[in-house]
PDB file of N, CA and C in Angstrom:
ATOM      1  N   MET A   1      -9.982 -14.465   9.652  1.00  0.00           N
ATOM      2  CA  MET A   1      -9.676 -13.049   9.571  1.00  0.00           C
ATOM      3  C   MET A   1      -9.650 -12.633   8.111  1.00  0.00           C
ATOM      4  N   LYS A   2     -10.183 -11.460   7.823  1.00  0.00           N
ATOM      5  CA  LYS A   2     -10.129 -10.891   6.484  1.00  0.00           C
ATOM      6  C   LYS A   2      -9.089  -9.780   6.478  1.00  0.00           C
ATOM      7  N   TYR A   3      -8.563  -9.500   5.300  1.00  0.00           N
ATOM      8  CA  TYR A   3      -7.425  -8.606   5.181  1.00  0.00           C
ATOM      9  C   TYR A   3      -7.674  -7.494   4.174  1.00  0.00           C
ATOM     10  N   LEU A   4      -6.983  -6.382   4.369  1.00  0.00           N
ATOM     11  CA  LEU A   4      -6.915  -5.295   3.413  1.00  0.00           C
ATOM     12  C   LEU A   4      -5.490  -5.280   2.881  1.00  0.00           C
ATOM     13  N   VAL A   5      -5.335  -5.558   1.603  1.00  0.00           N
ATOM     14  CA  VAL A   5      -4.020  -5.571   0.965  1.00  0.00           C
ATOM     15  C   VAL A   5      -3.866  -4.259   0.203  1.00  0.00           C
ATOM     16  N   VAL A   6      -2.803  -3.538   0.486  1.00  0.00           N
ATOM     17  CA  VAL A   6      -2.579  -2.233  -0.127  1.00  0.00           C
ATOM     18  C   VAL A   6      -1.206  -2.218  -0.774  1.00  0.00           C
ATOM     19  N   ALA A   7      -1.160  -1.823  -2.048  1.00  0.00           N
ATOM     20  CA  ALA A   7       0.111  -1.697  -2.765  1.00  0.00           C
ATOM     21  C   ALA A   7       0.238  -0.262  -3.252  1.00  0.00           C
ATOM     22  N   GLY A   8       1.442   0.257  -3.273  1.00  0.00           N
ATOM     23  CA  GLY A   8       1.632   1.620  -3.743  1.00  0.00           C
ATOM     24  C   GLY A   8       3.036   2.127  -3.466  1.00  0.00           C
ATOM     25  N   CYS A   9       3.165   3.432  -3.535  1.00  0.00           N
ATOM     26  CA  CYS A   9       4.454   4.098  -3.361  1.00  0.00           C
ATOM     27  C   CYS A   9       4.618   4.566  -1.909  1.00  0.00           C
ATOM     28  N   SER A  10       5.393   5.617  -1.728  1.00  0.00           N
ATOM     29  CA  SER A  10       5.662   6.129  -0.383  1.00  0.00           C
ATOM     30  C   SER A  10       4.408   6.639   0.323  1.00  0.00           C
ATOM     31  N   HIS A  11       3.381   7.007  -0.446  1.00  0.00           N
ATOM     32  CA  HIS A  11       2.114   7.425   0.171  1.00  0.00           C
ATOM     33  C   HIS A  11       1.484   6.253   0.927  1.00  0.00           C
ATOM     34  N   VAL A  12       1.660   5.054   0.408  1.00  0.00           N
ATOM     35  CA  VAL A  12       1.123   3.849   1.048  1.00  0.00           C
ATOM     36  C   VAL A  12       2.001   3.441   2.231  1.00  0.00           C
ATOM     37  N   VAL A  13       3.304   3.567   2.069  1.00  0.00           N
ATOM     38  CA  VAL A  13       4.239   3.211   3.145  1.00  0.00           C
ATOM     39  C   VAL A  13       4.014   4.107   4.369  1.00  0.00           C
ATOM     40  N   GLY A  14       3.696   5.378   4.104  1.00  0.00           N
ATOM     41  CA  GLY A  14       3.545   6.335   5.195  1.00  0.00           C
ATOM     42  C   GLY A  14       4.825   7.101   5.449  1.00  0.00           C
ATOM     43  N   THR A  15       5.653   7.201   4.418  1.00  0.00           N
ATOM     44  CA  THR A  15       6.927   7.896   4.542  1.00  0.00           C
ATOM     45  C   THR A  15       6.714   9.325   5.026  1.00  0.00           C
ATOM     46  N   GLY A  16       7.466   9.712   6.010  1.00  0.00           N
ATOM     47  CA  GLY A  16       7.369  11.040   6.588  1.00  0.00           C
ATOM     48  C   GLY A  16       6.542  11.082   7.857  1.00  0.00           C
ATOM     49  N   LEU A  17       5.653  10.129   8.021  1.00  0.00           N
ATOM     50  CA  LEU A  17       4.832  10.113   9.234  1.00  0.00           C
ATOM     51  C   LEU A  17       5.654   9.812  10.480  1.00  0.00           C
ATOM     52  N   ASP A  18       6.782   9.113  10.290  1.00  0.00           N
ATOM     53  CA  ASP A  18       7.641   8.825  11.440  1.00  0.00           C
ATOM     54  C   ASP A  18       8.182  10.113  12.056  1.00  0.00           C
ATOM     55  N   LYS A  19       8.386  11.150  11.239  1.00  0.00           N
ATOM     56  CA  LYS A  19       8.875  12.434  11.761  1.00  0.00           C
ATOM     57  C   LYS A  19       7.795  13.163  12.547  1.00  0.00           C
ATOM     58  N   VAL A  20       6.527  12.888  12.218  1.00  0.00           N
ATOM     59  CA  VAL A  20       5.412  13.542  12.902  1.00  0.00           C
ATOM     60  C   VAL A  20       5.002  12.765  14.154  1.00  0.00           C
ATOM     61  N   PHE A  21       4.873  11.448  14.013  1.00  0.00           N
ATOM     62  CA  PHE A  21       4.327  10.623  15.102  1.00  0.00           C
ATOM     63  C   PHE A  21       5.362   9.784  15.837  1.00  0.00           C
ATOM     64  N   GLY A  22       6.557   9.674  15.277  1.00  0.00           N
ATOM     65  CA  GLY A  22       7.586   8.841  15.899  1.00  0.00           C
ATOM     66  C   GLY A  22       7.635   7.453  15.263  1.00  0.00           C
ATOM     67  N   ASP A  23       8.798   6.839  15.382  1.00  0.00           N
ATOM     68  CA  ASP A  23       9.037   5.542  14.751  1.00  0.00           C
ATOM     69  C   ASP A  23       8.087   4.438  15.210  1.00  0.00           C
ATOM     70  N   LYS A  24       7.688   4.466  16.459  1.00  0.00           N
ATOM     71  CA  LYS A  24       6.933   3.338  17.012  1.00  0.00           C
ATOM     72  C   LYS A  24       5.471   3.320  16.603  1.00  0.00           C
ATOM     73  N   ILE A  25       4.881   4.471  16.278  1.00  0.00           N
ATOM     74  CA  ILE A  25       3.447   4.454  15.996  1.00  0.00           C
ATOM     75  C   ILE A  25       3.055   4.942  14.600  1.00  0.00           C
ATOM     76  N   PHE A  26       4.029   5.352  13.764  1.00  0.00           N
ATOM     77  CA  PHE A  26       3.635   5.914  12.474  1.00  0.00           C
ATOM     78  C   PHE A  26       2.894   4.913  11.592  1.00  0.00           C
ATOM     79  N   ARG A  27       3.193   3.623  11.707  1.00  0.00           N
ATOM     80  CA  ARG A  27       2.486   2.618  10.899  1.00  0.00           C
ATOM     81  C   ARG A  27       0.999   2.550  11.252  1.00  0.00           C
ATOM     82  N   LYS A  28       0.675   2.877  12.477  1.00  0.00           N
ATOM     83  CA  LYS A  28      -0.734   2.892  12.889  1.00  0.00           C
ATOM     84  C   LYS A  28      -1.455   4.140  12.395  1.00  0.00           C
ATOM     85  N   LYS A  29      -0.718   5.153  11.952  1.00  0.00           N
ATOM     86  CA  LYS A  29      -1.304   6.422  11.527  1.00  0.00           C
ATOM     87  C   LYS A  29      -1.413   6.577  10.013  1.00  0.00           C
ATOM     88  N   ARG A  30      -0.799   5.666   9.247  1.00  0.00           N
ATOM     89  CA  ARG A  30      -0.919   5.790   7.791  1.00  0.00           C
ATOM     90  C   ARG A  30      -2.337   5.432   7.355  1.00  0.00           C
ATOM     91  N   TRP A  31      -2.749   5.958   6.203  1.00  0.00           N
ATOM     92  CA  TRP A  31      -4.142   5.847   5.782  1.00  0.00           C
ATOM     93  C   TRP A  31      -4.597   4.403   5.644  1.00  0.00           C
ATOM     94  N   SER A  32      -3.711   3.517   5.210  1.00  0.00           N
ATOM     95  CA  SER A  32      -4.123   2.123   5.032  1.00  0.00           C
ATOM     96  C   SER A  32      -4.426   1.451   6.371  1.00  0.00           C
ATOM     97  N   SER A  33      -3.680   1.795   7.408  1.00  0.00           N
ATOM     98  CA  SER A  33      -3.951   1.246   8.745  1.00  0.00           C
ATOM     99  C   SER A  33      -5.259   1.778   9.301  1.00  0.00           C
ATOM    100  N   LEU A  34      -5.495   3.079   9.097  1.00  0.00           N
ATOM    101  CA  LEU A  34      -6.740   3.674   9.578  1.00  0.00           C
ATOM    102  C   LEU A  34      -7.953   3.086   8.861  1.00  0.00           C
ATOM    103  N   LEU A  35      -7.826   2.862   7.537  1.00  0.00           N
ATOM    104  CA  LEU A  35      -8.918   2.268   6.774  1.00  0.00           C
ATOM    105  C   LEU A  35      -9.162   0.824   7.205  1.00  0.00           C
ATOM    106  N   ALA A  36      -8.103   0.063   7.369  1.00  0.00           N
ATOM    107  CA  ALA A  36      -8.242  -1.333   7.804  1.00  0.00           C
ATOM    108  C   ALA A  36      -8.933  -1.408   9.166  1.00  0.00           C
ATOM    109  N   LYS A  37      -8.555  -0.529  10.054  1.00  0.00           N
ATOM    110  CA  LYS A  37      -9.180  -0.504  11.378  1.00  0.00           C
ATOM    111  C   LYS A  37     -10.668  -0.171  11.265  1.00  0.00           C
ATOM    112  N   GLN A  38     -10.992   0.826  10.433  1.00  0.00           N
ATOM    113  CA  GLN A  38     -12.384   1.230  10.243  1.00  0.00           C
ATOM    114  C   GLN A  38     -13.227   0.092   9.653  1.00  0.00           C
ATOM    115  N   LEU A  39     -12.626  -0.678   8.739  1.00  0.00           N
ATOM    116  CA  LEU A  39     -13.334  -1.785   8.086  1.00  0.00           C
ATOM    117  C   LEU A  39     -13.239  -3.095   8.868  1.00  0.00           C
ATOM    118  N   LYS A  40     -12.511  -3.055   9.985  1.00  0.00           N
ATOM    119  CA  LYS A  40     -12.289  -4.245  10.824  1.00  0.00           C
ATOM    120  C   LYS A  40     -11.581  -5.352  10.041  1.00  0.00           C
ATOM    121  N   LEU A  41     -10.524  -4.951   9.338  1.00  0.00           N
ATOM    122  CA  LEU A  41      -9.699  -5.861   8.558  1.00  0.00           C
ATOM    123  C   LEU A  41      -8.262  -5.768   9.046  1.00  0.00           C
ATOM    124  N   GLU A  42      -7.513  -6.806   8.814  1.00  0.00           N
ATOM    125  CA  GLU A  42      -6.081  -6.814   9.116  1.00  0.00           C
ATOM    126  C   GLU A  42      -5.346  -6.242   7.906  1.00  0.00           C
ATOM    127  N   GLU A  43      -4.408  -5.338   8.141  1.00  0.00           N
ATOM    128  CA  GLU A  43      -3.692  -4.681   7.045  1.00  0.00           C
ATOM    129  C   GLU A  43      -2.485  -5.491   6.580  1.00  0.00           C
ATOM    130  N   ILE A  44      -2.333  -5.595   5.262  1.00  0.00           N
ATOM    131  CA  ILE A  44      -1.111  -6.091   4.637  1.00  0.00           C
ATOM    132  C   ILE A  44      -0.643  -4.969   3.723  1.00  0.00           C
ATOM    133  N   ASN A  45       0.456  -4.330   4.067  1.00  0.00           N
ATOM    134  CA  ASN A  45       0.936  -3.164   3.336  1.00  0.00           C
ATOM    135  C   ASN A  45       2.133  -3.569   2.486  1.00  0.00           C
ATOM    136  N   LEU A  46       1.963  -3.487   1.167  1.00  0.00           N
ATOM    137  CA  LEU A  46       3.018  -3.839   0.220  1.00  0.00           C
ATOM    138  C   LEU A  46       3.677  -2.596  -0.373  1.00  0.00           C
ATOM    139  N   GLY A  47       3.515  -1.456   0.283  1.00  0.00           N
ATOM    140  CA  GLY A  47       4.058  -0.202  -0.224  1.00  0.00           C
ATOM    141  C   GLY A  47       5.573  -0.231  -0.330  1.00  0.00           C
ATOM    142  N   LYS A  48       6.072   0.547  -1.296  1.00  0.00           N
ATOM    143  CA  LYS A  48       7.504   0.591  -1.542  1.00  0.00           C
ATOM    144  C   LYS A  48       7.893   2.041  -1.824  1.00  0.00           C
ATOM    145  N   ASP A  49       8.791   2.601  -1.022  1.00  0.00           N
ATOM    146  CA  ASP A  49       9.259   3.968  -1.260  1.00  0.00           C
ATOM    147  C   ASP A  49       9.841   4.088  -2.662  1.00  0.00           C
ATOM    148  N   GLY A  50       9.397   5.116  -3.387  1.00  0.00           N
ATOM    149  CA  GLY A  50       9.920   5.355  -4.727  1.00  0.00           C
ATOM    150  C   GLY A  50       9.424   4.370  -5.764  1.00  0.00           C
ATOM    151  N   GLY A  51       8.392   3.616  -5.434  1.00  0.00           N
ATOM    152  CA  GLY A  51       7.889   2.605  -6.356  1.00  0.00           C
ATOM    153  C   GLY A  51       7.236   3.219  -7.586  1.00  0.00           C
ATOM    154  N   SER A  52       7.641   2.750  -8.749  1.00  0.00           N
ATOM    155  CA  SER A  52       7.018   3.206  -9.993  1.00  0.00           C
ATOM    156  C   SER A  52       5.702   2.446 -10.188  1.00  0.00           C
ATOM    157  N   ASN A  53       4.927   2.860 -11.163  1.00  0.00           N
ATOM    158  CA  ASN A  53       3.678   2.148 -11.442  1.00  0.00           C
ATOM    159  C   ASN A  53       3.957   0.688 -11.768  1.00  0.00           C
ATOM    160  N   TRP A  54       5.037   0.419 -12.497  1.00  0.00           N
ATOM    161  CA  TRP A  54       5.398  -0.961 -12.813  1.00  0.00           C
ATOM    162  C   TRP A  54       5.749  -1.725 -11.539  1.00  0.00           C
ATOM    163  N   ASP A  55       6.536  -1.125 -10.646  1.00  0.00           N
ATOM    164  CA  ASP A  55       6.889  -1.777  -9.370  1.00  0.00           C
ATOM    165  C   ASP A  55       5.639  -2.117  -8.563  1.00  0.00           C
ATOM    166  N   ILE A  56       4.713  -1.169  -8.524  1.00  0.00           N
ATOM    167  CA  ILE A  56       3.481  -1.370  -7.762  1.00  0.00           C
ATOM    168  C   ILE A  56       2.680  -2.519  -8.352  1.00  0.00           C
ATOM    169  N   TYR A  57       2.497  -2.496  -9.664  1.00  0.00           N
ATOM    170  CA  TYR A  57       1.757  -3.560 -10.354  1.00  0.00           C
ATOM    171  C   TYR A  57       2.425  -4.911 -10.133  1.00  0.00           C
ATOM    172  N   PHE A  58       3.741  -4.979 -10.339  1.00  0.00           N
ATOM    173  CA  PHE A  58       4.466  -6.244 -10.205  1.00  0.00           C
ATOM    174  C   PHE A  58       4.401  -6.772  -8.773  1.00  0.00           C
ATOM    175  N   THR A  59       4.563  -5.886  -7.800  1.00  0.00           N
ATOM    176  CA  THR A  59       4.498  -6.296  -6.395  1.00  0.00           C
ATOM    177  C   THR A  59       3.133  -6.889  -6.063  1.00  0.00           C
ATOM    178  N   LEU A  60       2.076  -6.211  -6.492  1.00  0.00           N
ATOM    179  CA  LEU A  60       0.723  -6.681  -6.207  1.00  0.00           C
ATOM    180  C   LEU A  60       0.426  -7.994  -6.929  1.00  0.00           C
ATOM    181  N   MET A  61       0.775  -8.091  -8.205  1.00  0.00           N
ATOM    182  CA  MET A  61       0.512  -9.326  -8.956  1.00  0.00           C
ATOM    183  C   MET A  61       1.320 -10.502  -8.400  1.00  0.00           C
ATOM    184  N   SER A  62       2.544 -10.235  -7.975  1.00  0.00           N
ATOM    185  CA  SER A  62       3.362 -11.291  -7.361  1.00  0.00           C
ATOM    186  C   SER A  62       2.719 -11.772  -6.064  1.00  0.00           C
ATOM    187  N   TRP A  63       2.206 -10.827  -5.271  1.00  0.00           N
ATOM    188  CA  TRP A  63       1.558 -11.201  -4.016  1.00  0.00           C
ATOM    189  C   TRP A  63       0.301 -12.026  -4.288  1.00  0.00           C
ATOM    190  N   ILE A  64      -0.516 -11.582  -5.242  1.00  0.00           N
ATOM    191  CA  ILE A  64      -1.745 -12.318  -5.570  1.00  0.00           C
ATOM    192  C   ILE A  64      -1.410 -13.715  -6.069  1.00  0.00           C
ATOM    193  N   THR A  65      -0.394 -13.828  -6.926  1.00  0.00           N
ATOM    194  CA  THR A  65       0.020 -15.136  -7.452  1.00  0.00           C
ATOM    195  C   THR A  65       0.488 -16.060  -6.333  1.00  0.00           C
ATOM    196  N   SER A  66       1.216 -15.517  -5.384  1.00  0.00           N
ATOM    197  CA  SER A  66       1.728 -16.318  -4.267  1.00  0.00           C
ATOM    198  C   SER A  66       0.642 -16.685  -3.255  1.00  0.00           C
ATOM    199  N   ASN A  67      -0.445 -15.922  -3.221  1.00  0.00           N
ATOM    200  CA  ASN A  67      -1.501 -16.124  -2.226  1.00  0.00           C
ATOM    201  C   ASN A  67      -2.860 -16.375  -2.875  1.00  0.00           C
ATOM    202  N   TYR A  68      -2.858 -16.962  -4.063  1.00  0.00           N
ATOM    203  CA  TYR A  68      -4.091 -17.101  -4.840  1.00  0.00           C
ATOM    204  C   TYR A  68      -5.176 -17.892  -4.125  1.00  0.00           C
ATOM    205  N   LEU A  69      -4.828 -18.796  -3.243  1.00  0.00           N
ATOM    206  CA  LEU A  69      -5.847 -19.585  -2.543  1.00  0.00           C
ATOM    207  C   LEU A  69      -6.606 -18.750  -1.519  1.00  0.00           C
ATOM    208  N   MET A  70      -6.018 -17.643  -1.080  1.00  0.00           N
ATOM    209  CA  MET A  70      -6.628 -16.837  -0.038  1.00  0.00           C
ATOM    210  C   MET A  70      -7.227 -15.529  -0.550  1.00  0.00           C
ATOM    211  N   VAL A  71      -7.089 -15.225  -1.836  1.00  0.00           N
ATOM    212  CA  VAL A  71      -7.471 -13.917  -2.357  1.00  0.00           C
ATOM    213  C   VAL A  71      -8.939 -13.591  -2.133  1.00  0.00           C
ATOM    214  N   ASN A  72      -9.824 -14.576  -2.091  1.00  0.00           N
ATOM    215  CA  ASN A  72     -11.245 -14.301  -1.892  1.00  0.00           C
ATOM    216  C   ASN A  72     -11.542 -13.628  -0.553  1.00  0.00           C
ATOM    217  N   GLY A  73     -10.706 -13.818   0.441  1.00  0.00           N
ATOM    218  CA  GLY A  73     -10.932 -13.206   1.743  1.00  0.00           C
ATOM    219  C   GLY A  73     -10.255 -11.855   1.905  1.00  0.00           C
ATOM    220  N   TYR A  74      -9.737 -11.310   0.815  1.00  0.00           N
ATOM    221  CA  TYR A  74      -8.978 -10.069   0.883  1.00  0.00           C
ATOM    222  C   TYR A  74      -9.688  -8.942   0.149  1.00  0.00           C
ATOM    223  N   ARG A  75      -9.462  -7.728   0.593  1.00  0.00           N
ATOM    224  CA  ARG A  75      -9.874  -6.524  -0.118  1.00  0.00           C
ATOM    225  C   ARG A  75      -8.581  -5.867  -0.566  1.00  0.00           C
ATOM    226  N   ILE A  76      -8.462  -5.565  -1.846  1.00  0.00           N
ATOM    227  CA  ILE A  76      -7.198  -5.091  -2.396  1.00  0.00           C
ATOM    228  C   ILE A  76      -7.342  -3.677  -2.919  1.00  0.00           C
ATOM    229  N   ILE A  77      -6.400  -2.819  -2.547  1.00  0.00           N
ATOM    230  CA  ILE A  77      -6.322  -1.456  -3.062  1.00  0.00           C
ATOM    231  C   ILE A  77      -4.953  -1.286  -3.704  1.00  0.00           C
ATOM    232  N   ASN A  78      -4.961  -0.801  -4.935  1.00  0.00           N
ATOM    233  CA  ASN A  78      -3.721  -0.556  -5.665  1.00  0.00           C
ATOM    234  C   ASN A  78      -3.610   0.940  -5.897  1.00  0.00           C
ATOM    235  N   HIS A  79      -2.639   1.576  -5.285  1.00  0.00           N
ATOM    236  CA  HIS A  79      -2.446   3.019  -5.402  1.00  0.00           C
ATOM    237  C   HIS A  79      -1.430   3.281  -6.506  1.00  0.00           C
ATOM    238  N   ILE A  80      -1.920   3.734  -7.658  1.00  0.00           N
ATOM    239  CA  ILE A  80      -1.044   4.048  -8.785  1.00  0.00           C
ATOM    240  C   ILE A  80      -0.806   5.550  -8.820  1.00  0.00           C
ATOM    241  N   GLY A  81       0.438   5.935  -8.950  1.00  0.00           N
ATOM    242  CA  GLY A  81       0.774   7.349  -9.036  1.00  0.00           C
ATOM    243  C   GLY A  81       0.618   7.866 -10.458  1.00  0.00           C
ATOM    244  N   HIS A  82       0.781   9.150 -10.601  1.00  0.00           N
ATOM    245  CA  HIS A  82       0.706   9.767 -11.917  1.00  0.00           C
ATOM    246  C   HIS A  82       2.057   9.630 -12.601  1.00  0.00           C
ATOM    247  N   PRO A  83       2.049   9.281 -13.892  1.00  0.00           N
ATOM    248  CA  PRO A  83       3.333   9.243 -14.606  1.00  0.00           C
ATOM    249  C   PRO A  83       3.913  10.653 -14.690  1.00  0.00           C
ATOM    250  N   LYS A  84       5.200  10.738 -14.773  1.00  0.00           N
ATOM    251  CA  LYS A  84       5.836  12.049 -14.873  1.00  0.00           C
ATOM    252  C   LYS A  84       5.419  12.721 -16.178  1.00  0.00           C
ATOM    253  N   PRO A  85       5.027  13.989 -16.120  1.00  0.00           N
ATOM    254  CA  PRO A  85       4.634  14.664 -17.356  1.00  0.00           C
ATOM    255  C   PRO A  85       5.822  14.882 -18.279  1.00  0.00           C
ATOM    256  N   LYS A  86       5.559  14.800 -19.574  1.00  0.00           N
ATOM    257  CA  LYS A  86       6.615  15.051 -20.553  1.00  0.00           C
ATOM    258  C   LYS A  86       6.805  16.550 -20.712  1.00  0.00           C
ATOM    259  N   LYS A  87       8.041  16.951 -20.840  1.00  0.00           N
ATOM    260  CA  LYS A  87       8.334  18.355 -21.068  1.00  0.00           C
ATOM    261  C   LYS A  87       8.245  18.631 -22.561  1.00  0.00           C
ATOM    262  N   HIS A  88       7.549  19.671 -22.881  1.00  0.00           N
ATOM    263  CA  HIS A  88       7.426  20.056 -24.282  1.00  0.00           C
ATOM    264  C   HIS A  88       8.375  21.206 -24.568  1.00  0.00           C
ATOM    265  N   PRO A  89       8.946  21.215 -25.766  1.00  0.00           N
ATOM    266  CA  PRO A  89       9.915  22.290 -26.096  1.00  0.00           C
ATOM    267  C   PRO A  89       9.266  23.652 -26.127  1.00  0.00           C
TER     268      PRO A  89
END
């Protein structure tokens, strides 16, 4: 089996979809699940609500380090958010 590994923030987790689709099926409706299904891959979702760019990077690199023997069979997507804009005086 080949896998789609997705790391990111609440957009990757699918936060809020549970209110639209219900607790039992919202994971099947998030974009990473739909993409994995379309590509005929098994989804591994490493999303973290409120995850900063550093959290996302660290989570993904930790996963790759822990699973380095299997990485060739995986497709990896890293969803990085925009840094907060600085306020100018």
